[in-house]
Amino acid sequence: MADEFDPEKFEDKYANYFNELQRAYKNAFNHMNERHDSQLIHGIDQTILNESEPFYEDGEFRVELPENPRDRLEGVLVDDETFEETLAEYVDRIEAELHRTFQVDRPE
């Protein structure tokens, strides 16, 4: 766990916080995989979130997704509404895990 979160060090996050980022993403994956179709969660994880980028700005974490995330998901039969809702929940969970892992309160 990071001693104390330093927003400036997060700019070079993979050098300074790689283990913490891995832990946050893994915790989010485990949470989502227990609650949703595992094929959908694995597909989102491997085709969309593998190219996502976490940022820390204005006191909060956010996850930026690659362009056209729906087009990236292949081999998983799911309607658009379920996909969008699941992806939004997954991203929110990652952001919550980043806040928890780095012990940074989420803004109201």
C-alpha atoms as a PDB file:
ATOM      1  CA  MET A   1       0.000   0.000   0.000  1.00  0.00           C
ATOM      2  CA  ALA A   2       1.224   3.486  -0.710  1.00  0.00           C
ATOM      3  CA  ASP A   3       2.546   5.309   2.336  1.00  0.00           C
ATOM      4  CA  GLU A   4       0.719   8.477   1.453  1.00  0.00           C
ATOM      5  CA  PHE A   5      -0.805   9.309  -1.880  1.00  0.00           C
ATOM      6  CA  ASP A   6       1.035  12.012  -3.821  1.00  0.00           C
ATOM      7  CA  PRO A   7      -0.951  13.434  -6.768  1.00  0.00           C
ATOM      8  CA  GLU A   8       2.246  14.619  -8.465  1.00  0.00           C
ATOM      9  CA  LYS A   9       3.734  11.120  -8.337  1.00  0.00           C
ATOM     10  CA  PHE A  10       0.528   9.801  -9.915  1.00  0.00           C
ATOM     11  CA  GLU A  11       1.448  11.565 -13.144  1.00  0.00           C
ATOM     12  CA  ASP A  12       4.047   8.794 -13.553  1.00  0.00           C
ATOM     13  CA  LYS A  13       1.657   6.256 -12.060  1.00  0.00           C
ATOM     14  CA  TYR A  14       3.111   3.111 -13.598  1.00  0.00           C
ATOM     15  CA  ALA A  15       6.539   3.838 -12.171  1.00  0.00           C
ATOM     16  CA  ASN A  16       5.312   5.006  -8.769  1.00  0.00           C
ATOM     17  CA  TYR A  17       2.057   3.161  -8.105  1.00  0.00           C
ATOM     18  CA  PHE A  18       1.984   0.087 -10.341  1.00  0.00           C
ATOM     19  CA  ASN A  19       1.232  -2.407  -7.543  1.00  0.00           C
ATOM     20  CA  GLU A  20      -1.551  -0.255  -6.131  1.00  0.00           C
ATOM     21  CA  LEU A  21      -3.122   0.156  -9.571  1.00  0.00           C
ATOM     22  CA  GLN A  22      -2.985  -3.595 -10.140  1.00  0.00           C
ATOM     23  CA  ARG A  23      -4.615  -4.213  -6.771  1.00  0.00           C
ATOM     24  CA  ALA A  24      -7.427  -1.725  -7.410  1.00  0.00           C
ATOM     25  CA  TYR A  25      -8.210  -3.159 -10.849  1.00  0.00           C
ATOM     26  CA  LYS A  26      -8.038  -6.739  -9.516  1.00  0.00           C
ATOM     27  CA  ASN A  27     -10.366  -5.942  -6.608  1.00  0.00           C
ATOM     28  CA  ALA A  28     -12.834  -4.348  -9.013  1.00  0.00           C
ATOM     29  CA  PHE A  29     -12.608  -7.360 -11.337  1.00  0.00           C
ATOM     30  CA  ASN A  30     -13.241  -9.810  -8.487  1.00  0.00           C
ATOM     31  CA  HIS A  31     -16.209  -7.783  -7.258  1.00  0.00           C
ATOM     32  CA  MET A  32     -17.766  -7.570 -10.725  1.00  0.00           C
ATOM     33  CA  ASN A  33     -17.024 -11.199 -11.600  1.00  0.00           C
ATOM     34  CA  GLU A  34     -18.958 -12.360  -8.523  1.00  0.00           C
ATOM     35  CA  ARG A  35     -22.033 -10.349  -9.513  1.00  0.00           C
ATOM     36  CA  HIS A  36     -22.222 -10.542 -13.313  1.00  0.00           C
ATOM     37  CA  ASP A  37     -21.773 -12.953 -16.182  1.00  0.00           C
ATOM     38  CA  SER A  38     -18.112 -13.946 -16.058  1.00  0.00           C
ATOM     39  CA  GLN A  39     -17.791 -14.036 -19.863  1.00  0.00           C
ATOM     40  CA  LEU A  40     -18.975 -10.416 -20.073  1.00  0.00           C
ATOM     41  CA  ILE A  41     -16.685  -9.281 -17.241  1.00  0.00           C
ATOM     42  CA  HIS A  42     -13.679 -11.071 -18.732  1.00  0.00           C
ATOM     43  CA  GLY A  43     -14.465  -9.577 -22.142  1.00  0.00           C
ATOM     44  CA  ILE A  44     -14.708  -6.047 -20.748  1.00  0.00           C
ATOM     45  CA  ASP A  45     -11.532  -6.574 -18.737  1.00  0.00           C
ATOM     46  CA  GLN A  46      -9.476  -7.942 -21.607  1.00  0.00           C
ATOM     47  CA  THR A  47     -10.708  -5.845 -24.532  1.00  0.00           C
ATOM     48  CA  ILE A  48     -11.640  -2.496 -22.994  1.00  0.00           C
ATOM     49  CA  LEU A  49     -10.139  -2.000 -19.569  1.00  0.00           C
ATOM     50  CA  ASN A  50      -6.754  -3.290 -20.665  1.00  0.00           C
ATOM     51  CA  GLU A  51      -6.469  -0.023 -22.619  1.00  0.00           C
ATOM     52  CA  SER A  52      -8.141   2.218 -20.066  1.00  0.00           C
ATOM     53  CA  GLU A  53      -6.218   4.961 -18.338  1.00  0.00           C
ATOM     54  CA  PRO A  54      -6.726   6.043 -14.727  1.00  0.00           C
ATOM     55  CA  PHE A  55      -6.282   9.727 -13.904  1.00  0.00           C
ATOM     56  CA  TYR A  56      -6.314  11.765 -10.721  1.00  0.00           C
ATOM     57  CA  GLU A  57      -7.728  15.261 -11.177  1.00  0.00           C
ATOM     58  CA  ASP A  58      -9.428  17.762  -8.898  1.00  0.00           C
ATOM     59  CA  GLY A  59      -9.374  15.428  -5.913  1.00  0.00           C
ATOM     60  CA  GLU A  60     -10.795  12.349  -7.578  1.00  0.00           C
ATOM     61  CA  PHE A  61      -9.893   9.378  -9.695  1.00  0.00           C
ATOM     62  CA  ARG A  62     -11.485   8.788 -13.059  1.00  0.00           C
ATOM     63  CA  VAL A  63     -10.981   6.087 -15.638  1.00  0.00           C
ATOM     64  CA  GLU A  64     -10.795   7.043 -19.288  1.00  0.00           C
ATOM     65  CA  LEU A  65     -11.874   4.324 -21.699  1.00  0.00           C
ATOM     66  CA  PRO A  66     -10.556   3.757 -25.213  1.00  0.00           C
ATOM     67  CA  GLU A  67     -12.697   4.927 -28.113  1.00  0.00           C
ATOM     68  CA  ASN A  68     -15.668   2.795 -29.185  1.00  0.00           C
ATOM     69  CA  PRO A  69     -15.668   0.358 -26.265  1.00  0.00           C
ATOM     70  CA  ARG A  70     -18.741  -1.512 -27.557  1.00  0.00           C
ATOM     71  CA  ASP A  71     -16.992  -2.266 -30.848  1.00  0.00           C
ATOM     72  CA  ARG A  72     -14.074  -3.840 -28.986  1.00  0.00           C
ATOM     73  CA  LEU A  73     -16.162  -6.491 -27.245  1.00  0.00           C
ATOM     74  CA  GLU A  74     -16.277  -9.524 -29.513  1.00  0.00           C
ATOM     75  CA  GLY A  75     -17.509 -13.025 -28.878  1.00  0.00           C
ATOM     76  CA  VAL A  76     -19.849 -12.043 -26.032  1.00  0.00           C
ATOM     77  CA  LEU A  77     -23.542 -11.947 -26.770  1.00  0.00           C
ATOM     78  CA  VAL A  78     -25.074  -9.157 -24.747  1.00  0.00           C
ATOM     79  CA  ASP A  79     -27.549  -6.405 -25.548  1.00  0.00           C
ATOM     80  CA  ASP A  80     -26.315  -2.821 -25.682  1.00  0.00           C
ATOM     81  CA  GLU A  81     -28.192  -1.741 -22.556  1.00  0.00           C
ATOM     82  CA  THR A  82     -26.721  -4.530 -20.430  1.00  0.00           C
ATOM     83  CA  PHE A  83     -23.272  -3.809 -21.821  1.00  0.00           C
ATOM     84  CA  GLU A  84     -23.496  -0.058 -21.101  1.00  0.00           C
ATOM     85  CA  GLU A  85     -24.861  -0.573 -17.574  1.00  0.00           C
ATOM     86  CA  THR A  86     -22.262  -3.206 -16.732  1.00  0.00           C
ATOM     87  CA  LEU A  87     -19.387  -1.161 -18.137  1.00  0.00           C
ATOM     88  CA  ALA A  88     -20.520   1.948 -16.221  1.00  0.00           C
ATOM     89  CA  GLU A  89     -20.792  -0.066 -13.004  1.00  0.00           C
ATOM     90  CA  TYR A  90     -17.360  -1.613 -13.611  1.00  0.00           C
ATOM     91  CA  VAL A  91     -15.718   1.778 -14.204  1.00  0.00           C
ATOM     92  CA  ASP A  92     -17.394   3.172 -11.097  1.00  0.00           C
ATOM     93  CA  ARG A  93     -16.125   0.198  -9.121  1.00  0.00           C
ATOM     94  CA  ILE A  94     -12.561   0.734 -10.369  1.00  0.00           C
ATOM     95  CA  GLU A  95     -12.748   4.399  -9.390  1.00  0.00           C
ATOM     96  CA  ALA A  96     -14.056   3.430  -5.931  1.00  0.00           C
ATOM     97  CA  GLU A  97     -11.250   0.879  -5.553  1.00  0.00           C
ATOM     98  CA  LEU A  98      -8.666   3.498  -6.549  1.00  0.00           C
ATOM     99  CA  HIS A  99     -10.007   5.809  -3.859  1.00  0.00           C
ATOM    100  CA  ARG A 100      -9.982   2.998  -1.313  1.00  0.00           C
ATOM    101  CA  THR A 101      -6.541   1.695  -2.271  1.00  0.00           C
ATOM    102  CA  PHE A 102      -4.949   5.143  -2.127  1.00  0.00           C
ATOM    103  CA  GLN A 103      -7.013   6.158   0.922  1.00  0.00           C
ATOM    104  CA  VAL A 104      -8.390   9.229  -0.836  1.00  0.00           C
ATOM    105  CA  ASP A 105     -11.972  10.194   0.020  1.00  0.00           C
ATOM    106  CA  ARG A 106     -14.350  10.476  -2.907  1.00  0.00           C
ATOM    107  CA  PRO A 107     -15.814  13.958  -3.327  1.00  0.00           C
ATOM    108  CA  GLU A 108     -19.510  14.266  -2.602  1.00  0.00           C
END
